Protein backbone atom coordinates (compact mmCIF):
# COMPACT_ATOMS: atom_id res chain seq x y z
CA MET A 1 -1.77 3.70 14.23
CA LYS A 2 -2.87 4.85 10.78
CA VAL A 3 -1.96 3.09 7.53
CA VAL A 4 -1.48 5.31 4.47
CA ILE A 5 -1.93 3.60 1.10
CA LEU A 6 -0.81 5.22 -2.16
CA ALA A 7 -3.57 4.47 -4.66
CA GLY A 8 -3.71 7.44 -7.02
CA GLY A 9 -1.42 6.54 -9.92
CA LEU A 10 -2.39 5.91 -13.52
CA GLY A 11 -1.20 2.27 -13.64
CA THR A 12 0.08 2.61 -17.21
CA ARG A 13 2.02 -0.70 -17.19
CA ILE A 14 -1.20 -2.65 -16.72
CA SER A 15 -3.29 -0.58 -19.10
CA GLU A 16 -5.27 -3.66 -20.17
CA GLU A 17 -7.28 -3.14 -16.99
CA SER A 18 -6.36 0.28 -15.61
CA HIS A 19 -8.09 2.11 -18.46
CA LEU A 20 -11.33 1.05 -16.77
CA ARG A 21 -10.43 1.48 -13.08
CA PRO A 22 -7.53 2.44 -10.81
CA LYS A 23 -4.89 -0.26 -10.46
CA PRO A 24 -5.64 -0.80 -6.73
CA MET A 25 -9.20 -1.71 -7.73
CA ILE A 26 -8.12 -4.48 -10.12
CA GLU A 27 -9.44 -7.70 -8.63
CA ILE A 28 -7.60 -10.74 -7.36
CA GLY A 29 -10.31 -13.34 -6.94
CA ASP A 30 -13.43 -11.25 -6.49
CA LYS A 31 -11.88 -8.47 -4.40
CA PRO A 32 -9.65 -5.50 -5.37
CA ILE A 33 -5.97 -5.86 -4.54
CA LEU A 34 -6.48 -2.84 -2.27
CA TRP A 35 -8.84 -4.98 -0.16
CA HIS A 36 -6.21 -7.73 0.10
CA ILE A 37 -3.63 -5.23 1.36
CA MET A 38 -6.04 -3.83 3.94
CA LYS A 39 -6.88 -7.35 5.14
CA GLU A 40 -3.16 -7.95 5.75
CA TYR A 41 -2.85 -4.89 7.97
CA SER A 42 -6.15 -5.61 9.71
CA HIS A 43 -4.91 -9.09 10.62
CA PHE A 44 -2.19 -7.44 12.72
CA GLY A 45 -4.64 -5.04 14.37
CA PHE A 46 -4.23 -1.98 12.15
CA ASN A 47 -7.71 -0.91 11.06
CA GLU A 48 -7.48 2.82 10.38
CA PHE A 49 -6.63 3.63 6.77
CA ILE A 50 -5.94 6.79 4.79
CA ILE A 51 -6.06 6.12 1.06
CA CYS A 52 -4.43 8.62 -1.30
CA LEU A 53 -6.58 8.79 -4.43
CA GLY A 54 -6.20 10.36 -7.85
CA TYR A 55 -6.99 8.54 -11.09
CA LYS A 56 -10.67 7.47 -11.25
CA GLN A 57 -11.01 8.12 -7.53
CA HIS A 58 -14.81 7.85 -7.65
CA ILE A 59 -14.54 4.09 -8.24
CA VAL A 60 -12.71 3.61 -4.93
CA LYS A 61 -15.18 5.83 -3.09
CA GLU A 62 -18.15 3.95 -4.55
CA PHE A 63 -16.63 0.61 -3.48
CA PHE A 64 -16.42 1.66 0.15
CA ALA A 65 -19.74 3.51 0.09
CA ASP A 66 -21.45 0.28 -1.01
CA TYR A 67 -19.18 -2.14 0.87
CA TYR A 68 -21.97 -3.13 3.24
CA LEU A 69 -24.02 -4.30 0.27
CA TYR A 70 -21.11 -6.00 -1.51
CA SER A 71 -20.43 -8.21 1.50
CA SER A 72 -24.02 -9.17 2.38
CA ASP A 73 -27.06 -10.82 0.85
CA VAL A 74 -29.77 -8.32 0.02
CA THR A 75 -33.51 -8.52 -0.72
CA PHE A 76 -35.03 -5.67 -2.71
CA ASP A 77 -38.81 -5.29 -2.63
CA LEU A 78 -39.40 -3.12 -5.65
CA SER A 79 -43.14 -2.78 -5.03
CA LYS A 80 -42.42 -1.18 -1.63
CA ASN A 81 -39.15 0.47 -2.60
CA SER A 82 -37.49 -1.24 0.37
CA MET A 83 -34.28 -3.13 1.02
CA GLU A 84 -33.46 -5.83 3.57
CA VAL A 85 -29.83 -6.74 4.28
CA HIS A 86 -29.14 -10.29 5.44
CA ASN A 87 -26.15 -11.90 7.22
CA HIS A 88 -24.72 -8.50 8.10
CA TYR A 89 -20.95 -8.40 7.83
CA ALA A 90 -18.53 -5.50 7.97
CA GLU A 91 -14.81 -5.03 8.43
CA PRO A 92 -13.58 -3.23 11.58
CA TRP A 93 -12.12 -0.49 9.40
CA LYS A 94 -12.16 3.28 9.48
CA VAL A 95 -11.31 4.45 5.96
CA THR A 96 -10.50 8.03 4.96
CA LEU A 97 -10.48 8.55 1.19
CA VAL A 98 -8.56 11.63 0.07
CA ASP A 99 -8.39 13.17 -3.39
CA THR A 100 -4.66 13.93 -3.65
CA GLY A 101 -4.78 15.06 -7.28
CA LEU A 102 -4.62 13.40 -10.66
CA HIS A 103 -0.97 14.11 -11.48
CA THR A 104 0.49 14.55 -7.99
CA MET A 105 3.70 12.62 -7.33
CA THR A 106 4.03 10.11 -4.48
CA GLY A 107 5.69 12.53 -2.06
CA GLY A 108 3.07 15.15 -2.81
CA ARG A 109 0.28 12.68 -2.11
CA ILE A 110 1.74 11.87 1.30
CA LYS A 111 2.14 15.58 2.09
CA ARG A 112 -1.51 16.21 1.18
CA VAL A 113 -2.79 13.80 3.85
CA ARG A 114 -0.67 15.23 6.67
CA ASP A 115 -3.68 16.69 8.49
CA TYR A 116 -5.33 13.26 8.58
CA ILE A 117 -2.20 11.58 9.95
CA GLY A 118 -1.49 14.07 12.70
CA ASP A 119 1.70 14.18 14.74
CA GLU A 120 2.19 10.45 15.11
CA THR A 121 4.04 7.48 13.68
CA PHE A 122 2.30 6.02 10.63
CA MET A 123 2.59 3.14 8.20
CA LEU A 124 2.84 3.58 4.46
CA THR A 125 2.60 1.23 1.50
CA TYR A 126 1.69 1.04 -2.16
CA GLY A 127 -1.75 -0.02 -3.36
CA ASP A 128 -0.51 -2.65 -5.81
CA GLY A 129 1.64 -5.11 -3.85
CA VAL A 130 0.91 -7.97 -1.44
CA SER A 131 3.17 -9.78 0.99
CA ASP A 132 3.27 -12.06 4.02
CA VAL A 133 5.53 -9.64 5.89
CA ASN A 134 4.98 -9.73 9.66
CA ILE A 135 3.78 -6.17 10.20
CA LYS A 136 3.99 -6.48 13.98
CA GLU A 137 7.69 -7.38 13.74
CA LEU A 138 8.19 -4.57 11.21
CA LEU A 139 6.82 -2.04 13.71
CA GLU A 140 8.92 -3.46 16.55
CA PHE A 141 12.03 -3.14 14.38
CA HIS A 142 11.17 0.45 13.53
CA ARG A 143 10.73 1.39 17.17
CA SER A 144 14.00 -0.30 18.09
CA HIS A 145 16.28 1.90 15.97
CA GLY A 146 14.80 5.36 16.57
CA LYS A 147 15.27 6.62 13.01
CA ILE A 148 12.73 8.53 10.90
CA GLY A 149 11.91 5.73 8.49
CA THR A 150 11.89 2.00 7.87
CA LEU A 151 11.47 0.28 4.50
CA THR A 152 10.76 -3.40 3.96
CA ALA A 153 13.60 -4.74 1.83
CA ILE A 154 12.89 -7.54 -0.65
CA ALA A 155 15.43 -9.54 -2.68
CA VAL A 156 13.98 -9.74 -6.20
CA ASP A 157 14.86 -8.95 -9.79
CA GLN A 158 12.43 -6.07 -10.32
CA ARG A 159 12.11 -2.43 -11.38
CA PHE A 160 12.12 -0.67 -8.03
CA GLY A 161 14.29 1.45 -5.74
CA VAL A 162 17.57 -0.38 -5.09
CA LEU A 163 18.97 -0.34 -1.55
CA ASP A 164 22.61 -0.43 -0.42
CA ILE A 165 22.27 -1.96 3.05
CA GLY A 166 24.95 -2.07 5.74
CA ARG A 167 25.03 -3.51 9.25
CA GLU A 168 21.88 -3.52 11.41
CA GLY A 169 19.75 -2.61 8.40
CA LYS A 170 21.40 0.77 7.81
CA ILE A 171 20.50 2.07 4.34
CA ARG A 172 23.67 3.67 3.03
CA GLU A 173 22.21 4.59 -0.35
CA PHE A 174 18.83 4.69 -2.07
CA ALA A 175 19.08 4.40 -5.87
CA GLU A 176 15.73 4.59 -7.66
CA LYS A 177 14.90 2.12 -10.42
CA GLU A 178 18.30 0.68 -11.23
CA GLU A 179 18.50 -2.45 -13.35
CA LYS A 180 20.41 -4.94 -11.17
CA ASP A 181 19.90 -8.70 -10.97
CA GLU A 182 18.85 -10.05 -7.57
CA SER A 183 18.94 -6.58 -6.04
CA VAL A 184 17.54 -5.79 -2.62
CA VAL A 185 14.69 -3.39 -3.32
CA ASN A 186 12.13 -1.25 -1.54
CA GLY A 187 9.01 -3.41 -1.25
CA GLY A 188 6.84 -0.82 0.47
CA TYR A 189 5.42 -1.79 3.88
CA MET A 190 7.09 1.24 5.44
CA VAL A 191 6.91 3.00 8.80
CA PHE A 192 7.66 6.71 9.30
CA GLU A 193 7.83 9.28 12.03
CA PRO A 194 6.03 12.59 11.36
CA ARG A 195 9.42 14.27 10.81
CA ILE A 196 9.22 12.80 7.29
CA PHE A 197 7.01 15.74 6.31
CA ASP A 198 10.03 18.05 6.61
CA TYR A 199 11.42 16.26 3.54
CA LEU A 200 8.31 16.69 1.36
CA GLU A 201 8.08 19.97 -0.55
CA ASP A 202 5.08 20.02 -2.89
CA ASP A 203 3.00 18.04 -5.41
CA SER A 204 6.05 17.51 -7.63
CA THR A 205 8.01 15.68 -4.92
CA VAL A 206 8.75 12.08 -5.87
CA PHE A 207 9.01 10.26 -2.55
CA GLU A 208 11.38 7.63 -3.92
CA LYS A 209 13.90 10.21 -5.11
CA GLU A 210 15.14 13.14 -3.00
CA PRO A 211 13.27 12.41 0.28
CA LEU A 212 14.47 8.82 0.63
CA LYS A 213 17.92 9.62 -0.73
CA GLN A 214 18.26 12.43 1.80
CA LEU A 215 17.11 10.22 4.66
CA ALA A 216 19.70 7.61 3.68
CA HIS A 217 22.40 10.29 3.47
CA GLU A 218 21.50 11.51 6.97
CA ASP A 219 21.45 7.96 8.40
CA GLU A 220 17.72 8.23 9.12
CA LEU A 221 16.59 5.18 7.15
CA ARG A 222 16.64 1.50 8.05
CA ALA A 223 15.71 -1.69 6.17
CA PHE A 224 13.53 -4.44 7.58
CA LEU A 225 14.69 -7.53 5.69
CA HIS A 226 11.85 -9.77 4.49
CA LYS A 227 12.70 -13.16 2.99
CA GLY A 228 9.15 -14.39 2.55
CA PHE A 229 6.55 -13.76 -0.15
CA TRP A 230 6.19 -10.41 -1.89
CA LYS A 231 4.63 -9.59 -5.24
CA CYS A 232 3.83 -6.34 -7.00
CA MET A 233 1.00 -6.36 -9.55
CA ASP A 234 2.71 -4.14 -12.08
CA THR A 235 1.75 -5.99 -15.28
CA GLN A 236 -1.03 -8.19 -16.61
CA ARG A 237 1.27 -11.21 -16.28
CA GLU A 238 1.84 -10.49 -12.59
CA LYS A 239 -1.89 -10.04 -12.10
CA GLU A 240 -2.49 -13.48 -13.60
CA GLN A 241 0.19 -14.99 -11.33
CA LEU A 242 -1.56 -13.59 -8.26
CA GLU A 243 -4.92 -14.83 -9.56
CA LYS A 244 -3.48 -18.33 -9.94
CA LEU A 245 -2.13 -18.32 -6.39
CA TRP A 246 -5.47 -17.10 -5.01
CA ALA A 247 -7.44 -19.71 -6.96
CA SER A 248 -5.15 -22.44 -5.61
CA GLY A 249 -6.28 -21.68 -2.07
CA LYS A 250 -2.65 -21.21 -1.04
CA ALA A 251 -2.11 -17.49 -1.51
CA PRO A 252 0.92 -16.71 0.71
CA TRP A 253 -0.33 -13.21 1.56
CA LYS A 254 -3.63 -14.52 2.96
CA VAL A 255 -2.33 -14.29 6.51
CA TRP A 256 -5.80 -13.56 7.94
CA GLU A 257 -6.87 -17.23 7.69
């Protein structure tokens, strides 16, 4: 199953760093947060990724083009113009990097990668948030209810899409970016059936607005409740919080070790 990661936004709230590189390429430890997210999915056996790019997309492409070198020791013999790679290490990943446009909205980015997804169930998340959500259990929950989409619901005081959740995870309403204390919000880590593409019109489609609201209205959206760790790197302060957790050796999202 393919994992689609939205990584094309401008990252204006963390402009201290995003003026130099895309937000998903901002590092936690010595690796981009995008790498951390991919390691989470890989831990559960999901190794095929489609990354929706936009702002400074070349930086993401260069990272993966040179990944083999980044993760190995290398000897360069300049007199012979040769290179020897030591302790070869590579992730078991297949990564498709797609230019989905500089100003394309989230729904438009998803629509642009339809041909790479095919007619199959796929996972979807944002390229700026990490969690210890059990992705295997998330997928099992999605398959159990037979609806078009599943969102991972997080209880936090944040600036994200607010969910009105009923019995058995039914999402009765999706309200984007309301200011409510201790609200249950959309934390990403989503699963969708290919029928979702019927709800995406063009580049101007904001996924978190009409598509998700319409799915909720039609009773085609369910919430997978996650009570564990979740953190979005939306500001410099949040980036520093994640750095501190990583440096402590007790990063909750590091499920792969």
